[in-house]
N, C-alpha and C. Protein backbone atom coordinates (compact mmCIF):
# COMPACT_ATOMS: atom_id res chain seq x y z
N MET A 1 -13.16 39.96 -31.80
CA MET A 1 -13.14 39.14 -32.94
C MET A 1 -13.36 38.02 -31.92
N LEU A 2 -12.95 37.15 -30.97
CA LEU A 2 -13.23 36.46 -30.50
C LEU A 2 -15.16 36.17 -29.61
N GLY A 3 -15.25 37.26 -29.67
CA GLY A 3 -16.81 37.36 -28.91
C GLY A 3 -17.54 37.22 -30.10
N GLY A 4 -17.32 37.04 -30.75
CA GLY A 4 -18.10 37.19 -32.37
C GLY A 4 -18.47 35.87 -32.24
N ALA A 5 -16.93 35.38 -32.52
CA ALA A 5 -16.57 33.83 -32.45
C ALA A 5 -17.76 33.16 -31.56
N ALA A 6 -16.92 33.35 -30.40
CA ALA A 6 -18.18 32.65 -29.26
C ALA A 6 -19.43 33.06 -29.41
N LEU A 7 -20.17 34.04 -29.97
CA LEU A 7 -21.31 33.97 -30.24
C LEU A 7 -21.87 33.10 -31.47
N ALA A 8 -21.14 33.03 -32.17
CA ALA A 8 -21.94 32.45 -33.68
C ALA A 8 -21.69 31.21 -32.64
N LEU A 9 -20.63 30.84 -32.55
CA LEU A 9 -20.69 29.30 -31.40
C LEU A 9 -22.17 29.06 -31.24
N GLY A 10 -22.71 29.46 -30.28
CA GLY A 10 -23.41 29.28 -29.20
C GLY A 10 -24.66 29.64 -30.43
N MET A 11 -24.95 29.82 -31.70
CA MET A 11 -25.75 29.73 -32.36
C MET A 11 -26.18 28.60 -32.67
N ILE A 12 -25.00 27.77 -33.23
CA ILE A 12 -25.23 26.69 -33.98
C ILE A 12 -25.88 25.56 -33.52
N GLY A 13 -26.18 25.22 -32.20
CA GLY A 13 -27.03 24.75 -31.58
C GLY A 13 -26.77 22.62 -31.77
N THR A 14 -25.20 22.64 -31.59
CA THR A 14 -24.61 21.61 -31.45
C THR A 14 -24.11 20.80 -30.47
N PRO A 15 -24.65 19.96 -29.78
CA PRO A 15 -24.26 18.87 -28.36
C PRO A 15 -23.09 19.21 -28.01
N ALA A 16 -22.89 19.26 -27.07
CA ALA A 16 -21.44 19.07 -26.26
C ALA A 16 -20.97 18.24 -26.68
N LEU A 17 -19.84 17.47 -26.51
CA LEU A 17 -18.87 16.10 -26.44
C LEU A 17 -19.42 15.81 -25.01
N ALA A 18 -19.26 16.92 -23.74
CA ALA A 18 -19.40 16.34 -22.24
C ALA A 18 -20.65 16.07 -21.73
N GLN A 19 -21.66 16.51 -22.90
CA GLN A 19 -23.36 16.00 -22.43
C GLN A 19 -23.74 14.90 -22.27
N GLY A 20 -24.64 14.78 -20.59
CA GLY A 20 -24.64 13.10 -20.48
C GLY A 20 -23.51 12.45 -19.90
N ALA A 21 -22.13 12.71 -20.16
CA ALA A 21 -21.03 12.07 -19.69
C ALA A 21 -20.57 12.25 -18.44
N LYS A 22 -19.80 11.13 -17.98
CA LYS A 22 -19.99 10.85 -16.02
C LYS A 22 -18.44 12.23 -16.43
N SER A 23 -18.34 12.86 -14.95
CA SER A 23 -17.13 13.87 -14.40
C SER A 23 -16.10 12.96 -14.23
N PRO A 24 -14.77 13.23 -14.84
CA PRO A 24 -14.08 12.93 -15.33
C PRO A 24 -13.31 12.73 -13.66
N PRO A 25 -12.56 11.18 -13.85
CA PRO A 25 -12.10 11.68 -12.44
C PRO A 25 -10.86 12.43 -12.21
N ALA A 26 -9.89 12.91 -11.10
CA ALA A 26 -9.07 13.67 -10.80
C ALA A 26 -8.27 12.98 -10.94
N LEU A 27 -7.85 13.68 -11.76
CA LEU A 27 -6.21 13.36 -11.99
C LEU A 27 -4.82 13.66 -10.98
N THR A 28 -4.17 12.96 -10.89
CA THR A 28 -2.75 13.78 -9.79
C THR A 28 -2.26 14.38 -10.99
N GLN A 29 -0.99 15.56 -10.08
CA GLN A 29 -0.23 16.43 -11.46
C GLN A 29 0.75 15.29 -11.91
N GLU A 30 1.30 14.42 -11.32
CA GLU A 30 2.35 13.34 -12.63
C GLU A 30 1.24 13.43 -13.73
N GLN A 31 0.12 12.44 -14.03
CA GLN A 31 -0.81 12.28 -14.75
C GLN A 31 -1.28 13.43 -15.78
N LYS A 32 -1.49 14.81 -15.11
CA LYS A 32 -1.59 15.89 -16.16
C LYS A 32 -0.43 16.29 -16.80
N ASP A 33 1.04 16.03 -16.33
CA ASP A 33 2.29 16.13 -16.94
C ASP A 33 2.24 15.46 -17.71
N HIS A 34 2.15 14.30 -17.88
CA HIS A 34 2.76 13.18 -19.08
C HIS A 34 1.85 13.30 -19.75
N GLY A 35 -0.05 13.24 -19.33
CA GLY A 35 -0.85 13.57 -20.05
C GLY A 35 -0.37 14.95 -21.66
N VAL A 36 -0.02 16.05 -20.71
CA VAL A 36 0.65 17.24 -21.35
C VAL A 36 1.84 17.19 -22.23
N GLU A 37 2.71 16.50 -21.94
CA GLU A 37 3.48 15.61 -22.75
C GLU A 37 3.54 15.05 -23.48
N THR A 38 2.73 13.99 -23.68
CA THR A 38 2.51 12.92 -24.32
C THR A 38 1.59 13.67 -25.90
N PHE A 39 0.47 14.88 -25.61
CA PHE A 39 0.05 15.59 -26.40
C PHE A 39 0.83 16.72 -26.87
N ARG A 40 1.93 17.44 -26.57
CA ARG A 40 2.95 17.65 -26.82
C ARG A 40 3.79 17.43 -28.29
N LEU A 41 4.12 16.34 -27.98
CA LEU A 41 4.72 15.39 -28.79
C LEU A 41 4.31 15.08 -29.72
N ILE A 42 3.03 14.87 -29.57
CA ILE A 42 2.70 14.19 -30.87
C ILE A 42 2.47 15.37 -31.56
N ALA A 43 2.00 16.37 -30.98
CA ALA A 43 1.68 17.90 -32.00
C ALA A 43 2.91 18.34 -32.94
N SER A 44 3.95 18.05 -31.89
CA SER A 44 5.42 18.37 -32.68
C SER A 44 5.58 17.66 -33.89
N ALA A 45 5.08 16.23 -33.55
CA ALA A 45 5.88 15.04 -34.46
C ALA A 45 5.04 15.70 -36.01
N MET A 46 3.38 15.98 -35.62
CA MET A 46 2.41 16.24 -36.58
C MET A 46 2.99 17.19 -37.31
N GLN A 47 3.72 18.19 -37.27
CA GLN A 47 4.31 19.04 -37.77
C GLN A 47 6.00 19.27 -38.18
N SER A 48 6.33 18.22 -38.03
CA SER A 48 7.56 17.93 -38.25
C SER A 48 7.67 17.61 -39.58
N GLU A 49 8.82 17.83 -39.99
CA GLU A 49 9.21 17.42 -41.79
C GLU A 49 10.08 16.32 -41.39
N ASN A 50 10.88 16.21 -40.42
CA ASN A 50 11.46 14.70 -39.80
C ASN A 50 11.12 13.92 -39.68
N VAL A 51 9.38 13.68 -39.39
CA VAL A 51 8.65 12.35 -38.79
C VAL A 51 8.45 11.89 -39.79
N PRO A 52 8.42 10.88 -40.64
CA PRO A 52 7.84 10.83 -42.00
C PRO A 52 6.31 10.42 -41.36
N ASN A 53 5.37 10.44 -42.71
CA ASN A 53 4.11 10.29 -42.90
C ASN A 53 3.83 9.18 -42.42
N ASP A 54 4.48 7.70 -42.43
CA ASP A 54 3.75 6.30 -41.98
C ASP A 54 3.49 6.63 -40.34
N VAL A 55 4.31 7.32 -39.72
CA VAL A 55 4.33 7.67 -38.43
C VAL A 55 3.31 8.15 -38.16
N LYS A 56 3.25 9.59 -38.49
CA LYS A 56 2.32 10.77 -38.13
C LYS A 56 1.35 9.73 -38.72
N SER A 57 0.90 9.04 -39.65
CA SER A 57 -0.93 8.26 -39.98
C SER A 57 -0.94 7.66 -38.78
N VAL A 58 0.00 6.59 -38.27
CA VAL A 58 -0.33 6.17 -37.09
C VAL A 58 -0.76 6.82 -35.62
N LEU A 59 -0.15 7.82 -35.47
CA LEU A 59 -0.01 8.88 -34.50
C LEU A 59 -1.51 9.31 -34.30
N MET A 60 -1.98 9.72 -35.61
CA MET A 60 -3.17 11.00 -36.29
C MET A 60 -4.53 9.53 -35.64
N GLY A 61 -4.09 8.45 -36.11
CA GLY A 61 -5.21 7.51 -36.25
C GLY A 61 -4.94 6.95 -34.78
N CYS A 62 -4.36 6.98 -33.89
CA CYS A 62 -4.52 6.75 -32.41
C CYS A 62 -4.79 7.80 -32.13
N MET A 63 -4.60 9.08 -31.88
CA MET A 63 -4.99 10.49 -31.48
C MET A 63 -6.36 10.49 -31.48
N TYR A 64 -6.84 10.21 -32.84
CA TYR A 64 -8.88 9.92 -33.34
C TYR A 64 -9.21 8.67 -32.52
N GLU A 65 -8.95 8.03 -32.02
CA GLU A 65 -9.33 6.74 -31.63
C GLU A 65 -9.73 6.64 -30.38
N ASN A 66 -8.41 7.16 -29.70
CA ASN A 66 -8.12 6.86 -28.26
C ASN A 66 -7.65 8.31 -27.29
N PRO A 67 -8.63 8.31 -26.68
CA PRO A 67 -8.36 9.21 -25.23
C PRO A 67 -6.90 9.75 -25.44
N ILE A 68 -6.09 11.01 -24.92
CA ILE A 68 -4.78 11.35 -24.33
C ILE A 68 -4.39 10.81 -23.27
N GLY A 69 -5.12 10.16 -22.82
CA GLY A 69 -5.30 10.08 -20.94
C GLY A 69 -4.69 8.45 -20.88
N LYS A 70 -5.38 7.66 -22.11
CA LYS A 70 -5.28 6.29 -22.57
C LYS A 70 -3.95 5.86 -22.94
N ILE A 71 -3.67 6.86 -23.70
CA ILE A 71 -1.86 7.01 -24.52
C ILE A 71 -1.31 7.14 -24.35
N SER A 72 -1.25 8.19 -22.68
CA SER A 72 -0.52 8.56 -21.67
C SER A 72 -0.20 7.64 -20.64
N GLU A 73 -1.36 7.00 -20.02
CA GLU A 73 -1.17 5.24 -19.14
C GLU A 73 -0.37 5.01 -20.38
N THR A 74 -0.49 4.44 -20.91
CA THR A 74 0.58 2.88 -21.78
C THR A 74 1.62 3.43 -21.98
N VAL A 75 2.13 4.74 -22.43
CA VAL A 75 3.25 5.08 -22.60
C VAL A 75 3.72 4.59 -21.04
N ASP A 76 2.95 5.64 -20.46
CA ASP A 76 3.92 5.35 -18.66
C ASP A 76 3.70 3.65 -18.03
N SER A 77 2.47 2.87 -18.96
CA SER A 77 2.99 1.58 -18.52
C SER A 77 4.56 1.17 -19.58
N ALA A 78 4.57 1.34 -20.83
CA ALA A 78 5.63 0.48 -21.26
C ALA A 78 7.34 1.40 -20.88
N LEU A 79 6.83 2.26 -19.81
CA LEU A 79 8.27 3.14 -19.12
C LEU A 79 8.80 2.22 -18.25
N ALA A 80 7.52 1.60 -17.73
CA ALA A 80 7.86 1.48 -15.90
C ALA A 80 8.41 -0.46 -16.43
N ALA A 81 7.36 -1.20 -17.58
CA ALA A 81 8.22 -2.19 -18.05
C ALA A 81 9.82 -2.30 -18.46
N ASN A 82 10.33 -1.59 -18.69
CA ASN A 82 11.76 -1.27 -19.12
C ASN A 82 12.42 -0.23 -18.63
N PRO A 83 12.51 0.11 -17.21
CA PRO A 83 12.94 0.53 -16.33
C PRO A 83 14.67 1.22 -16.69
N GLY A 84 14.94 3.01 -16.82
CA GLY A 84 16.14 2.61 -17.16
C GLY A 84 16.46 2.74 -18.59
N LYS A 85 16.02 2.51 -19.90
CA LYS A 85 15.95 2.38 -20.76
C LYS A 85 15.50 3.18 -21.78
N ILE A 86 14.21 4.43 -21.65
CA ILE A 86 14.08 5.56 -21.76
C ILE A 86 14.10 6.50 -21.27
N ASP A 87 15.15 7.29 -21.56
CA ASP A 87 15.10 8.78 -20.72
C ASP A 87 13.83 9.59 -20.99
N ARG A 88 12.85 10.34 -20.51
CA ARG A 88 11.65 10.69 -20.21
C ARG A 88 12.09 12.07 -20.74
N THR A 89 13.55 13.04 -20.79
CA THR A 89 14.18 14.06 -20.90
C THR A 89 14.46 14.03 -22.72
N LYS A 90 14.57 13.15 -23.20
CA LYS A 90 14.44 12.87 -24.65
C LYS A 90 13.62 12.97 -25.60
N PRO A 91 12.59 13.88 -26.26
CA PRO A 91 11.85 14.13 -26.93
C PRO A 91 11.97 12.73 -27.88
N GLU A 92 12.90 12.52 -28.97
CA GLU A 92 13.01 11.18 -29.72
C GLU A 92 12.39 10.04 -29.51
N GLN A 93 13.33 10.25 -28.23
CA GLN A 93 13.03 8.53 -27.32
C GLN A 93 11.44 8.26 -27.21
N MET A 94 11.01 9.37 -26.51
CA MET A 94 9.42 9.53 -25.71
C MET A 94 8.59 9.48 -27.55
N LEU A 95 9.02 9.87 -28.39
CA LEU A 95 8.12 10.07 -29.41
C LEU A 95 8.26 8.53 -30.11
N SER A 96 9.53 7.77 -29.67
CA SER A 96 9.75 6.37 -30.83
C SER A 96 8.21 5.25 -29.50
N VAL A 97 8.50 5.95 -28.54
CA VAL A 97 7.44 4.56 -27.15
C VAL A 97 6.14 5.09 -27.70
N ILE A 98 5.99 6.50 -28.46
CA ILE A 98 4.52 7.25 -28.27
C ILE A 98 3.91 6.51 -29.45
N ALA A 99 4.71 6.56 -30.32
CA ALA A 99 4.54 5.65 -31.67
C ALA A 99 4.85 4.18 -31.70
N GLN A 100 5.03 3.57 -31.06
CA GLN A 100 5.27 2.13 -30.86
C GLN A 100 3.90 1.67 -30.09
N VAL A 101 3.22 2.58 -28.84
CA VAL A 101 1.98 2.19 -28.29
C VAL A 101 1.21 2.30 -29.30
N CYS A 102 0.73 3.20 -30.30
CA CYS A 102 -0.01 3.53 -31.09
C CYS A 102 -0.48 3.25 -32.06
N GLY A 103 0.82 1.77 -32.54
CA GLY A 103 0.74 0.71 -33.85
C GLY A 103 1.54 0.64 -34.27
N TYR A 104 2.85 1.71 -34.16
CA TYR A 104 4.09 2.03 -35.29
C TYR A 104 4.90 0.56 -35.33
N GLU A 105 5.30 0.37 -36.11
CA GLU A 105 5.94 -0.80 -35.82
C GLU A 105 7.48 -0.34 -37.18
N PRO A 106 8.29 -0.81 -36.50
CA PRO A 106 9.66 0.16 -37.12
C PRO A 106 10.15 -1.27 -38.10
N PRO A 107 10.87 -0.80 -38.91
CA PRO A 107 11.35 -1.67 -39.71
C PRO A 107 11.94 -3.02 -39.23
N ALA A 108 12.21 -4.25 -39.98
CA ALA A 108 11.98 -5.52 -39.17
C ALA A 108 13.14 -5.76 -39.11
N THR A 109 14.45 -4.91 -40.12
CA THR A 109 15.15 -4.91 -39.59
C THR A 109 16.16 -4.81 -38.30
N GLY A 110 15.30 -4.57 -37.37
CA GLY A 110 15.85 -4.01 -35.91
C GLY A 110 16.89 -2.69 -36.23
N THR A 111 16.87 -2.09 -36.83
CA THR A 111 17.58 -0.67 -37.37
C THR A 111 16.44 0.04 -37.76
N ALA A 112 16.20 1.58 -37.68
CA ALA A 112 14.93 2.21 -37.82
C ALA A 112 15.86 2.89 -39.03
N ALA A 113 14.81 2.79 -40.47
CA ALA A 113 15.71 3.47 -41.77
C ALA A 113 15.93 5.06 -41.35
N PRO A 114 16.46 5.71 -42.55
CA PRO A 114 16.23 6.85 -42.39
C PRO A 114 15.38 7.42 -42.12
N GLY A 115 15.42 8.76 -41.63
CA GLY A 115 14.43 9.51 -40.99
C GLY A 115 12.77 8.98 -40.23
N LYS A 116 13.41 7.46 -40.16
CA LYS A 116 12.14 6.96 -39.39
C LYS A 116 12.69 7.00 -37.61
N ALA A 117 11.25 7.58 -37.05
CA ALA A 117 11.28 7.41 -35.08
C ALA A 117 12.48 5.91 -34.74
N PRO A 118 13.16 6.29 -34.02
CA PRO A 118 13.91 4.83 -33.45
C PRO A 118 13.09 4.16 -32.83
N ALA A 119 13.52 2.57 -33.08
CA ALA A 119 13.11 1.82 -32.37
C ALA A 119 13.15 1.51 -31.00
N ALA A 120 12.05 1.50 -29.62
CA ALA A 120 12.28 1.77 -28.43
C ALA A 120 13.14 0.36 -27.82
N PRO A 121 13.42 0.34 -26.70
CA PRO A 121 13.91 -0.92 -26.00
C PRO A 121 12.79 -1.77 -25.78
N GLY A 122 13.07 -2.99 -25.57
CA GLY A 122 11.96 -3.49 -25.07
C GLY A 122 10.48 -3.62 -25.73
N LYS A 123 9.73 -4.59 -25.33
CA LYS A 123 8.51 -4.78 -25.90
C LYS A 123 7.39 -3.48 -25.14
N PRO A 124 6.83 -2.67 -25.71
CA PRO A 124 5.87 -2.17 -25.11
C PRO A 124 4.44 -2.99 -24.59
N PRO A 125 3.95 -2.28 -23.46
CA PRO A 125 2.49 -3.22 -23.60
C PRO A 125 1.61 -3.22 -24.86
N ALA A 126 0.64 -4.23 -24.08
CA ALA A 126 -0.53 -3.75 -25.81
C ALA A 126 -1.03 -2.38 -25.40
N ALA A 127 -1.05 -1.78 -26.90
CA ALA A 127 -2.13 -0.49 -26.07
C ALA A 127 -2.62 -0.30 -26.88
N PRO A 128 -3.54 1.21 -27.04
CA PRO A 128 -3.89 1.49 -27.94
C PRO A 128 -3.76 1.78 -29.48
N ALA A 129 -4.51 0.65 -29.95
CA ALA A 129 -3.67 0.67 -32.29
C ALA A 129 -4.57 1.77 -32.21
N GLY A 130 -4.58 2.53 -33.30
CA GLY A 130 -5.01 3.45 -34.05
C GLY A 130 -4.68 3.82 -35.20
N ARG A 131 -5.41 3.44 -36.40
CA ARG A 131 -4.48 3.57 -37.65
C ARG A 131 -6.17 4.64 -38.33
N PRO A 132 -6.02 5.40 -39.21
CA PRO A 132 -7.16 6.20 -39.91
C PRO A 132 -7.81 4.79 -40.32
N LYS A 133 -9.03 5.17 -40.24
CA LYS A 133 -9.78 4.08 -41.03
C LYS A 133 -10.29 4.66 -42.65
N GLY A 134 -10.15 5.17 -42.96
CA GLY A 134 -9.95 5.93 -44.21
C GLY A 134 -11.39 6.89 -44.39
N ARG A 135 -11.45 8.48 -44.60
CA ARG A 135 -12.37 8.86 -44.52
C ARG A 135 -12.49 9.63 -45.52
């Protein structure tokens, strides 16, 4: 079945995204691990019924507008700027940081509304903002 799909893809004649692009720089194992974790958390959030739609919208816009490497590096910078405040092993905390670096602004009261991603301590650095532009 997959072979037929691969054959069909070869027949449509669309250019590859990587054509003409420079070779990406070699990544460290840590960069790979952090990028995979960032992608996994975003993908899980998009499928979760517990993540509000406004957070999902910000995450989708961010993914659409920015490479995962840039998002992951910005998250790493936010964590480095706030040592000891975020536990990388806690998905809820990491998703909060990812959402904030993507442009999500928690409620102004300083506490998260029920069902919203909790606000991460500290202010993350300027980050890739990505909101859908309406298609």
